[in-house]
Protein backbone atom coordinates (compact mmCIF):
# COMPACT_ATOMS: atom_id res chain seq x y z
CA MET A 1 12.75 -6.13 -37.87
CA TRP A 2 10.80 -9.32 -36.40
CA ARG A 3 13.81 -11.39 -37.58
CA ARG A 4 16.50 -8.81 -35.53
CA LEU A 5 14.23 -9.42 -32.56
CA LEU A 6 13.82 -13.05 -32.80
CA ILE A 7 17.86 -13.25 -33.36
CA VAL A 8 18.39 -11.16 -29.88
CA LEU A 9 16.14 -13.17 -28.08
CA VAL A 10 17.86 -16.33 -29.16
CA VAL A 11 21.19 -14.99 -28.25
CA CYS A 12 20.28 -13.61 -24.89
CA ALA A 13 18.58 -17.13 -24.08
CA ALA A 14 21.96 -18.71 -25.26
CA SER A 15 24.29 -16.16 -23.23
CA PHE A 16 22.10 -16.51 -20.12
CA GLY A 17 21.44 -20.44 -20.07
CA ALA A 18 25.28 -20.74 -20.76
CA GLY A 19 26.38 -17.71 -17.58
CA VAL A 20 24.01 -19.74 -15.47
CA THR A 21 25.32 -23.14 -16.05
CA ALA A 22 28.75 -21.71 -15.48
CA LEU A 23 27.46 -20.25 -12.04
CA ALA A 24 26.10 -23.78 -10.84
CA ALA A 25 29.67 -25.22 -12.20
CA LEU A 26 32.20 -23.34 -10.82
CA ARG A 27 33.81 -25.27 -7.50
CA LEU A 28 36.81 -24.07 -5.59
CA ASP A 29 38.71 -25.09 -2.87
CA ARG A 30 40.45 -22.99 -0.32
CA ASP A 31 42.72 -23.67 2.46
CA LEU A 32 41.89 -21.83 5.37
CA SER A 33 44.34 -21.85 8.63
CA VAL A 34 41.58 -24.74 10.32
CA GLY A 35 40.87 -26.66 7.05
CA THR A 36 39.73 -26.71 3.69
CA VAL A 37 36.56 -25.48 2.32
CA ARG A 38 34.60 -25.73 -0.97
CA ILE A 39 32.89 -22.59 -2.18
CA PHE A 40 30.01 -23.10 -5.14
CA SER A 41 26.74 -21.66 -6.06
CA ASP A 42 23.33 -23.41 -6.23
CA PRO A 43 20.79 -21.31 -8.18
CA GLY A 44 17.23 -21.97 -8.22
CA HIS A 45 16.59 -21.87 -4.65
CA HIS A 46 15.78 -18.85 -2.28
CA GLY A 47 18.66 -16.58 -1.78
CA ALA A 48 20.87 -17.34 0.99
CA LEU A 49 24.38 -18.14 2.40
CA ASP A 50 24.98 -21.60 3.48
CA LEU A 51 27.64 -22.96 6.13
CA TYR A 52 27.34 -27.02 5.36
CA VAL A 53 29.57 -29.77 7.28
CA PRO A 54 29.81 -33.10 5.21
CA LEU A 55 31.26 -34.39 7.77
CA VAL A 56 28.21 -34.91 10.16
CA ASP A 57 25.84 -33.59 7.78
CA TRP A 58 24.22 -30.64 8.95
CA GLY A 59 24.73 -26.98 8.43
CA VAL A 60 23.70 -23.14 8.98
CA ARG A 61 21.53 -20.93 6.58
CA PHE A 62 21.40 -17.54 6.60
CA GLY A 63 19.55 -14.87 4.58
CA GLY A 64 21.17 -11.48 2.88
CA VAL A 65 21.58 -13.02 -0.64
CA ARG A 66 19.20 -11.17 -2.92
CA VAL A 67 19.26 -13.29 -5.83
CA PRO A 68 17.66 -16.82 -6.16
CA VAL A 69 20.96 -18.63 -5.49
CA ARG A 70 22.46 -20.47 -2.63
CA LEU A 71 26.07 -19.54 -1.79
CA ARG A 72 27.35 -22.66 -0.50
CA VAL A 73 30.53 -22.72 1.46
CA ASP A 74 31.06 -26.49 2.48
CA VAL A 75 33.78 -28.03 5.09
CA GLN A 76 35.90 -30.72 3.16
CA ARG A 77 39.13 -31.28 5.64
CA ILE A 78 39.55 -30.09 9.24
CA ASP A 79 43.00 -29.34 10.99
CA ARG A 80 42.49 -31.22 13.94
CA ASP A 81 45.19 -29.02 15.75
CA ALA A 82 43.75 -25.90 15.06
CA ALA A 83 40.63 -27.49 16.16
CA VAL A 84 41.50 -28.53 19.16
CA GLN A 85 43.01 -24.61 19.96
CA VAL A 86 39.64 -23.45 19.27
CA ALA A 87 37.78 -26.05 21.07
CA ARG A 88 39.71 -25.42 24.16
CA GLN A 89 39.95 -21.54 24.42
CA GLY A 90 36.73 -20.89 22.28
CA ALA A 91 35.26 -17.17 22.14
CA SER A 92 38.46 -16.37 24.42
CA THR A 93 40.51 -16.48 21.27
CA PRO A 94 39.64 -13.32 19.52
CA ARG A 95 42.68 -13.44 17.39
CA VAL A 96 42.34 -17.26 16.19
CA ILE A 97 38.39 -16.50 15.49
CA ALA A 98 39.14 -13.34 13.75
CA ARG A 99 41.95 -14.99 11.48
CA ILE A 100 39.25 -17.68 10.85
CA LYS A 101 37.10 -15.36 9.42
CA HIS A 102 39.36 -13.21 7.53
CA ASP A 103 40.49 -16.05 5.96
CA ALA A 104 36.88 -17.19 4.99
CA ARG A 105 36.03 -13.61 3.73
CA ASP A 106 39.24 -14.02 1.52
CA ALA A 107 38.24 -17.11 0.32
CA ILE A 108 34.91 -16.26 -0.60
CA ALA A 109 35.96 -12.92 -2.12
CA SER A 110 38.43 -14.80 -4.39
CA TYR A 111 35.64 -17.11 -5.49
CA LEU A 112 33.48 -14.33 -6.33
CA ARG A 113 36.00 -12.81 -8.10
CA ILE A 114 36.67 -15.63 -10.27
CA LEU A 115 33.21 -16.52 -10.92
CA VAL A 116 32.24 -12.91 -12.34
CA LEU A 117 35.20 -13.79 -14.89
CA VAL A 118 33.89 -17.49 -15.81
CA VAL A 119 30.01 -16.31 -15.83
CA PHE A 120 31.21 -13.20 -18.38
CA GLY A 121 33.40 -15.28 -20.39
CA ALA A 122 30.60 -18.08 -20.58
CA ALA A 123 27.86 -15.98 -21.25
CA LEU A 124 29.96 -14.14 -24.12
CA GLY A 125 31.40 -16.70 -25.75
CA PHE A 126 28.34 -19.24 -26.12
CA GLY A 127 26.52 -16.07 -27.08
CA VAL A 128 28.42 -15.10 -29.75
CA LEU A 129 28.82 -18.61 -31.10
CA VAL A 130 25.03 -18.62 -31.06
CA ALA A 131 25.18 -15.42 -33.31
CA LEU A 132 27.72 -16.88 -36.09
CA ALA A 133 25.53 -20.05 -36.16
CA LEU A 134 22.35 -17.51 -37.00
CA ARG A 135 24.77 -15.87 -39.33
CA ALA A 136 24.12 -12.36 -37.27
CA VAL A 137 27.69 -11.62 -35.80
CA ARG A 138 27.38 -7.93 -34.87
CA LEU A 139 23.71 -7.68 -33.71
CA GLY A 140 24.25 -11.32 -32.04
CA ALA A 141 27.76 -9.94 -30.50
CA ILE A 142 25.97 -7.02 -28.82
CA ALA A 143 22.72 -8.98 -27.32
CA ALA A 144 25.54 -11.43 -25.75
CA ALA A 145 27.67 -8.69 -24.59
CA GLY A 146 24.96 -7.00 -22.78
CA THR A 147 23.48 -10.19 -21.35
CA ALA A 148 26.78 -10.83 -20.00
CA VAL A 149 26.89 -7.57 -18.30
CA ALA A 150 23.82 -7.77 -17.03
CA LEU A 151 24.68 -11.02 -15.30
CA VAL A 152 28.01 -10.16 -13.91
CA ALA A 153 26.19 -7.01 -12.48
CA ALA A 154 23.48 -8.95 -10.90
CA ILE A 155 26.08 -11.35 -9.42
CA ILE A 156 28.16 -8.32 -8.17
CA VAL A 157 25.46 -6.50 -6.70
CA LEU A 158 22.91 -9.36 -5.33
CA LEU A 159 25.52 -12.57 -4.46
CA PRO A 160 27.92 -11.11 -1.99
CA PRO A 161 25.35 -11.30 1.20
CA ARG A 162 24.52 -7.87 2.90
CA GLY A 163 22.03 -6.09 5.38
CA ASP A 164 20.17 -8.14 7.88
CA LEU A 165 21.07 -11.95 7.56
CA GLY A 166 18.40 -12.65 9.79
CA PRO A 167 18.05 -15.70 12.41
CA PRO A 168 19.93 -18.77 11.23
CA GLU A 169 18.17 -21.77 10.16
CA TYR A 170 19.84 -25.33 10.65
CA TYR A 171 19.57 -28.02 8.09
CA ALA A 172 20.36 -32.17 7.64
CA HIS A 173 19.95 -33.64 4.78
CA GLY A 174 18.04 -36.85 4.87
CA PRO A 175 14.67 -37.74 7.19
CA ASP A 176 17.22 -37.77 10.22
CA ILE A 177 15.13 -35.61 12.53
CA PRO A 178 17.29 -36.37 15.33
CA ARG A 179 20.37 -35.12 13.43
CA ALA A 180 18.81 -31.81 12.79
CA LEU A 181 17.88 -31.60 16.62
CA ARG A 182 22.01 -32.11 17.66
CA ALA A 183 22.86 -29.62 15.04
CA VAL A 184 20.83 -27.14 16.81
CA GLU A 185 21.68 -27.80 19.99
CA SER A 186 25.53 -27.35 19.45
CA VAL A 187 25.09 -23.55 18.35
CA GLN A 188 26.21 -20.79 20.24
CA SER A 189 23.29 -18.30 20.14
CA SER A 190 23.58 -15.37 18.35
CA ALA A 191 21.26 -14.20 15.68
CA THR A 192 21.35 -10.64 15.68
CA ALA A 193 25.02 -10.26 13.82
CA LEU A 194 26.51 -13.01 11.42
CA SER A 195 30.12 -12.39 12.79
CA ASP A 196 29.00 -13.60 16.34
CA GLU A 197 27.14 -16.18 14.84
CA LEU A 198 30.11 -17.65 12.65
CA ASP A 199 32.30 -17.09 16.33
CA GLY A 200 29.69 -19.28 18.00
CA GLN A 201 29.72 -22.31 14.79
CA LEU A 202 33.48 -22.12 14.45
CA VAL A 203 33.53 -22.83 18.10
CA GLY A 204 30.81 -25.32 17.94
CA LEU A 205 32.08 -27.05 14.89
CA ALA A 206 35.87 -27.25 16.66
CA ARG A 207 34.09 -28.80 19.66
CA LEU A 208 32.05 -31.20 17.76
CA VAL A 209 35.08 -32.48 16.19
CA VAL A 210 37.29 -33.17 19.29
CA ALA A 211 34.02 -33.74 21.82
CA PRO A 212 31.07 -34.14 20.02
CA GLY A 213 29.55 -35.35 23.52
CA GLU A 214 30.02 -32.05 24.73
CA ARG A 215 28.43 -29.70 22.36
CA ALA A 216 24.79 -29.70 23.65
CA PRO A 217 24.46 -26.79 25.97
CA LEU A 218 20.73 -28.12 26.97
CA GLY A 219 21.61 -31.83 27.11
CA GLY A 220 20.59 -34.03 29.96
CA ARG A 221 17.30 -31.57 30.16
CA PRO A 222 13.90 -32.82 30.25
CA GLU A 223 12.11 -32.70 26.64
CA ILE A 224 8.62 -33.11 25.12
CA THR A 225 7.86 -33.87 21.52
CA ILE A 226 5.18 -32.40 19.75
CA ALA A 227 3.19 -33.21 16.79
CA SER A 228 -0.36 -32.79 15.19
CA ASP A 229 -2.39 -32.97 12.24
CA LEU A 230 -1.72 -36.49 11.11
CA HIS A 231 -4.81 -36.49 9.09
CA ASN A 232 -4.56 -40.96 8.33
CA ASN A 233 -0.73 -40.17 6.78
CA VAL A 234 -0.02 -43.65 8.22
CA LEU A 235 3.32 -43.42 6.25
CA ALA A 236 4.40 -40.90 8.80
CA LEU A 237 4.61 -42.84 11.95
CA PRO A 238 8.11 -44.09 11.16
CA ALA A 239 9.29 -40.82 11.52
CA LEU A 240 7.08 -39.61 14.13
CA ARG A 241 8.31 -42.30 16.34
CA ARG A 242 12.07 -41.67 15.67
CA ALA A 243 11.43 -37.92 16.78
CA ALA A 244 9.64 -39.03 19.71
CA ARG A 245 11.51 -41.70 20.75
CA GLY A 246 12.21 -41.65 24.63
CA THR A 247 10.05 -38.75 25.23
CA PRO A 248 6.17 -37.94 26.02
CA LEU A 249 4.48 -37.51 22.63
CA PHE A 250 2.00 -34.14 22.76
CA PHE A 251 -0.55 -34.52 20.27
CA PRO A 252 -3.08 -31.50 20.19
CA GLY A 253 -5.57 -32.95 17.55
CA ASP A 254 -6.59 -34.11 13.83
CA LEU A 255 -5.14 -37.56 14.29
CA THR A 256 -8.05 -38.81 11.83
CA ASP A 257 -9.83 -37.10 9.08
CA ARG A 258 -13.37 -37.99 10.45
CA GLY A 259 -12.51 -40.35 13.53
CA SER A 260 -14.07 -43.08 12.22
CA PRO A 261 -13.81 -46.81 13.86
CA LEU A 262 -11.81 -47.90 10.55
CA GLU A 263 -9.48 -44.66 10.91
CA SER A 264 -9.05 -45.31 14.57
CA GLN A 265 -7.50 -48.98 13.55
CA LEU A 266 -5.24 -47.42 10.84
CA THR A 267 -3.59 -44.48 13.16
CA ARG A 268 -3.32 -47.03 16.41
CA GLY A 269 0.31 -46.98 15.80
CA VAL A 270 0.29 -43.77 17.10
CA LEU A 271 0.33 -45.19 20.48
CA ARG A 272 3.35 -46.60 20.63
CA ALA A 273 5.55 -43.13 19.85
CA GLY A 274 7.00 -41.87 22.52
CA THR A 275 6.88 -42.91 26.40
CA ARG A 276 3.63 -41.46 26.70
CA PHE A 277 0.52 -40.56 24.18
CA VAL A 278 -1.06 -37.27 25.42
CA PHE A 279 -4.35 -36.29 23.04
CA VAL A 280 -6.85 -33.53 22.92
CA THR A 281 -9.45 -33.90 19.67
CA GLY A 282 -9.25 -31.71 16.77
CA ASN A 283 -11.96 -30.51 14.45
CA HIS A 284 -11.29 -33.85 12.44
CA ASP A 285 -11.14 -36.33 15.26
CA SER A 286 -14.44 -38.03 17.17
CA ASP A 287 -15.96 -38.65 20.37
CA ALA A 288 -15.66 -42.38 19.90
CA GLU A 289 -12.21 -42.41 18.43
CA ALA A 290 -11.04 -40.32 21.99
CA GLN A 291 -12.87 -43.03 23.83
CA GLU A 292 -11.02 -45.65 22.09
CA LEU A 293 -7.41 -44.17 22.96
CA ALA A 294 -8.45 -43.52 26.55
CA ASP A 295 -9.49 -47.49 26.62
CA ALA A 296 -6.07 -48.07 24.88
CA GLY A 297 -3.84 -46.34 27.74
CA ALA A 298 -3.81 -42.85 25.93
CA ILE A 299 -3.88 -39.71 28.46
CA VAL A 300 -6.54 -37.94 26.33
CA LEU A 301 -7.71 -34.52 28.16
CA THR A 302 -10.79 -32.62 27.61
CA GLU A 303 -12.71 -29.61 29.25
CA GLN A 304 -14.23 -32.14 31.97
CA GLY A 305 -10.99 -33.56 32.67
CA ARG A 306 -9.18 -36.39 31.79
CA LEU A 307 -11.25 -38.96 29.88
CA LEU A 308 -11.00 -42.42 31.09
CA ARG A 309 -12.21 -45.96 30.76
CA GLY A 310 -15.93 -46.39 30.35
CA GLY A 311 -16.43 -42.45 29.69
CA ARG A 312 -15.83 -41.33 33.01
CA HIS A 313 -13.55 -37.86 33.70
CA GLY A 314 -11.00 -37.91 35.96
CA PRO A 315 -8.92 -34.95 36.97
CA MET A 316 -8.75 -31.84 35.15
CA VAL A 317 -5.35 -31.34 35.89
CA VAL A 318 -2.67 -34.45 35.03
CA ARG A 319 1.35 -34.96 35.68
CA VAL A 320 3.45 -35.94 32.96
CA ALA A 321 6.90 -36.03 33.23
CA GLY A 322 6.69 -33.54 35.74
CA LEU A 323 4.57 -31.29 33.63
CA ARG A 324 1.29 -30.25 35.01
CA VAL A 325 -1.27 -30.79 32.03
CA ALA A 326 -4.52 -29.83 31.15
CA GLY A 327 -6.20 -29.87 27.53
CA TYR A 328 -9.55 -28.70 25.95
CA GLY A 329 -11.58 -30.73 23.34
CA ASP A 330 -12.43 -29.19 19.87
CA PRO A 331 -15.93 -28.05 19.80
CA PHE A 332 -16.56 -28.82 16.29
CA ARG A 333 -15.24 -32.64 16.61
CA TRP A 334 -17.32 -35.47 15.20
CA ARG A 335 -19.81 -37.07 17.09
CA ARG A 336 -20.53 -40.68 17.18
CA ALA A 337 -24.37 -40.26 17.85
CA ARG A 338 -24.81 -38.22 14.85
CA GLY A 339 -23.28 -40.42 12.43
CA TYR A 340 -20.23 -38.73 11.82
CA VAL A 341 -22.01 -35.84 10.19
CA ARG A 342 -21.39 -32.13 10.07
CA PRO A 343 -21.89 -29.23 8.01
CA SER A 344 -19.44 -29.35 5.01
CA GLU A 345 -17.55 -25.86 5.86
CA LEU A 346 -16.85 -26.12 9.28
CA PRO A 347 -17.30 -22.00 10.87
CA ALA A 348 -14.43 -20.30 12.85
CA PRO A 349 -14.72 -20.65 16.72
CA SER A 350 -17.20 -17.94 17.59
CA GLY A 351 -16.82 -15.58 20.47
CA ALA A 352 -19.08 -17.37 22.56
CA GLN A 353 -16.64 -20.44 22.30
CA GLN A 354 -13.52 -18.23 22.85
CA ASP A 355 -15.39 -16.75 26.10
CA LEU A 356 -16.57 -20.42 27.17
CA PHE A 357 -12.36 -21.30 26.65
CA ALA A 358 -11.54 -18.25 28.77
CA GLN A 359 -13.75 -19.02 31.40
CA TRP A 360 -12.53 -22.61 31.81
CA LEU A 361 -8.45 -21.25 31.66
CA ALA A 362 -9.05 -19.02 34.44
CA PRO A 363 -9.28 -21.02 37.85
CA LEU A 364 -6.66 -23.34 36.11
CA VAL A 365 -3.55 -20.41 35.91
CA ASP A 366 -2.13 -21.19 39.09
CA LYS A 367 -2.90 -24.90 38.55
CA VAL A 368 -1.10 -26.17 35.03
CA ASP A 369 1.98 -25.63 33.17
CA VAL A 370 0.86 -26.81 29.56
CA VAL A 371 -2.57 -26.15 27.82
CA MET A 372 -3.13 -28.10 25.19
CA VAL A 373 -6.20 -26.92 22.40
CA HIS A 374 -6.23 -27.80 18.77
CA GLU A 375 -7.53 -24.57 17.03
CA PRO A 376 -5.39 -21.32 18.32
CA GLY A 377 -8.31 -19.01 17.39
CA LEU A 378 -10.10 -20.94 20.48
CA ALA A 379 -7.72 -19.82 22.84
CA VAL A 380 -7.33 -16.26 21.43
CA ARG A 381 -9.38 -14.56 24.62
CA GLY A 382 -7.79 -16.72 27.18
CA ILE A 383 -4.36 -15.71 25.94
CA GLU A 384 -5.04 -12.27 25.63
CA MET A 385 -6.82 -12.24 29.09
CA LEU A 386 -3.00 -13.69 30.50
CA HIS A 387 -1.17 -10.98 28.40
CA ARG A 388 -3.35 -8.35 30.54
CA ASN A 389 -2.54 -10.03 33.81
CA PRO A 390 0.54 -12.18 33.31
CA PRO A 391 0.57 -15.22 35.39
CA THR A 392 3.12 -15.37 38.12
CA HIS A 393 4.95 -18.71 36.47
CA PRO A 394 5.34 -20.04 32.69
CA ILE A 395 2.65 -21.49 31.03
CA VAL A 396 2.98 -23.19 27.26
CA PHE A 397 0.14 -23.32 24.86
CA ILE A 398 0.45 -26.35 22.83
CA VAL A 399 -1.71 -26.23 19.70
CA GLY A 400 -2.37 -26.90 16.12
CA HIS A 401 -5.09 -26.74 13.35
CA THR A 402 -3.02 -24.45 11.21
CA HIS A 403 -0.21 -26.99 9.46
CA HIS A 404 2.37 -24.17 9.70
CA ALA A 405 5.07 -24.38 12.20
CA SER A 406 5.01 -21.24 14.47
CA ILE A 407 6.07 -19.92 17.80
CA ASP A 408 4.84 -16.94 19.98
CA ILE A 409 6.49 -15.99 22.63
CA ASP A 410 5.46 -13.60 25.76
CA PHE A 411 6.28 -13.08 29.31
CA ASN A 412 5.49 -16.08 30.76
CA THR A 413 2.95 -17.31 27.95
CA SER A 414 4.15 -19.20 24.80
CA VAL A 415 2.58 -20.49 22.50
CA ILE A 416 4.19 -23.44 20.13
CA ASN A 417 2.54 -24.96 16.88
CA GLY A 418 4.60 -27.90 15.43
CA GLY A 419 2.47 -27.79 12.00
CA THR A 420 1.36 -31.07 10.40
CA VAL A 421 3.39 -34.32 11.30
CA GLY A 422 1.07 -36.07 8.31
CA ALA A 423 1.77 -33.21 5.63
CA GLY A 424 -1.73 -32.17 5.39
CA GLY A 425 -2.42 -36.08 4.95
CA PRO A 426 -3.77 -37.83 1.95
CA ALA A 427 -6.75 -35.35 1.64
CA ASN A 428 -4.64 -32.30 1.78
CA LEU A 429 -2.09 -33.09 -0.68
CA GLY A 430 -2.53 -29.64 -2.84
CA GLU A 431 -1.21 -27.89 -0.27
CA GLY A 432 2.37 -28.80 -0.09
CA SER A 433 2.81 -28.74 3.49
CA LYS A 434 5.88 -29.89 5.20
CA ILE A 435 6.28 -32.73 7.74
CA GLY A 436 6.44 -30.96 11.18
CA VAL A 437 7.33 -31.77 14.72
CA ALA A 438 8.49 -29.81 17.57
CA ARG A 439 10.43 -30.56 20.62
CA MET A 440 10.47 -28.47 23.74
CA ILE A 441 12.99 -28.48 26.36
CA TYR A 442 12.52 -27.58 29.86
CA SER A 443 13.84 -27.69 33.84
CA ASP A 444 11.29 -29.36 36.38
CA VAL A 445 14.07 -28.48 39.08
CA GLY A 446 12.06 -25.81 41.74
CA GLY A 447 9.24 -25.52 39.55
CA PHE A 448 8.49 -25.51 35.70
CA ALA A 449 11.09 -23.20 33.32
CA PRO A 450 10.57 -23.86 29.60
CA LEU A 451 14.07 -23.35 27.99
CA ALA A 452 13.66 -23.92 24.18
CA ALA A 453 11.77 -25.11 21.63
CA ASP A 454 12.89 -27.01 18.63
CA LEU A 455 10.44 -26.52 14.98
CA VAL A 456 12.07 -29.18 12.87
CA GLU A 457 10.29 -29.54 9.06
CA ILE A 458 10.99 -32.31 6.37
CA ASP A 459 10.13 -31.64 2.94
CA PRO A 460 8.16 -35.04 1.89
CA GLY A 461 9.85 -34.33 -1.84
CA ASN A 462 13.32 -34.69 -1.18
CA GLY A 463 13.33 -35.62 2.24
CA SER A 464 15.88 -32.74 3.45
CA ALA A 465 15.33 -31.80 7.20
CA THR A 466 15.22 -28.10 8.76
CA ALA A 467 15.37 -26.88 12.15
CA LYS A 468 15.12 -23.84 14.42
CA ARG A 469 15.57 -23.22 17.85
CA TYR A 470 13.73 -20.78 19.73
CA ARG A 471 14.73 -19.58 23.13
CA LEU A 472 11.66 -19.71 25.93
CA ASP A 473 13.75 -18.79 28.89
CA VAL A 474 13.81 -14.84 27.60
CA PRO A 475 11.07 -12.20 28.06
CA SER A 476 10.48 -11.09 24.24
CA THR A 477 10.55 -12.94 20.78
CA GLN A 478 13.10 -10.90 19.28
CA GLU A 479 15.31 -12.37 22.22
CA ALA A 480 14.08 -15.54 22.13
CA ARG A 481 15.38 -16.02 18.79
CA LYS A 482 18.96 -15.70 19.92
């Protein structure tokens, strides 16, 4: 009995391995009316449908695949005449768009049919060969056939994208953050249906090929870069400088781990990132470090106003790139007078500290466009106050601390967290954080109006970058993802 069980397990494992290998190996090229695509599967990842353009090294990723396989559609060749037609007429050519999508669906369906046959044949054939080697042909053949049928059933049921595909994610291979951002800018907004998103992608790709300078709907608007939680990871500074090039850099805390003089010297290069460096302390920064940054020319904001040379304080609200900005230092920052010593475990902000922040914010509501604070938990009651009594103009909170990129949008109140630009820092390698940075696009004509926020993350392991765009000029979070 044990021998038979072992034979079944070995044959099933061999059949499964052969089927998965065939799944990964099959690549088919299909001609569409606008060019040629290559379709294949990439197992071992979170299930998704990828539309990737090697020509410009960016792609769009949808959900809806319920098996750990990415169904990839890579654009290999583009018919320029067809691209020109789509680019000139855009979404007003429903017949052209419908024909392209119909061709694409047929190509994917053809690939899936062939994939089922190839996987079944590979799983069954290799399983039978293993059964012959084990001299258990009948039992092994049954096990191989069962495994092959199970694999095919899983492919048929789980691989084709179905249901809610969710908001798309845009990505680029390599650590080139601006390229990922440009890919986001080329999209035509739609996140509620794959059909609408594909329309936009087809038109956007055609315009990218024909007239790349016209593809950014928010191009030419002022921008700021948002990054936090470097935690002494000086290796991330070059990427941060590339991301912030030509824009002010807003940094809501945790530049260092203790704010010691040595750490301040190591991270001083951050001052060269961006056109201006705007800073509030985090719980891993220090008062001495903040003063050194202020002395070096950084805009250091505190709950008492802008920190100036010599320890004096200036105005509570400063103007940076057309924005009225105020900031609140972290109450748990290190103190030089205490020898950079504090309790080993930091408490969460208390109710009294949250009330102090809300009291500080209340008289500034009509005077600020952007509020910087390191820990989102400290600002909770202040934000709740704005939810109860919405401001008459938009206010954006820039936060950090969590090491997770996120965005929360309510009427005239947005909270942007760029994640951790230092991937958690050398002391937090075990948390597996990605390098994160954000960018806010806004209008300063006739008053502050936030338009969009891009959240960009880079995997430190393979260097791949992902980017998501959220609209800030719409009233709800659901609408903002369009």
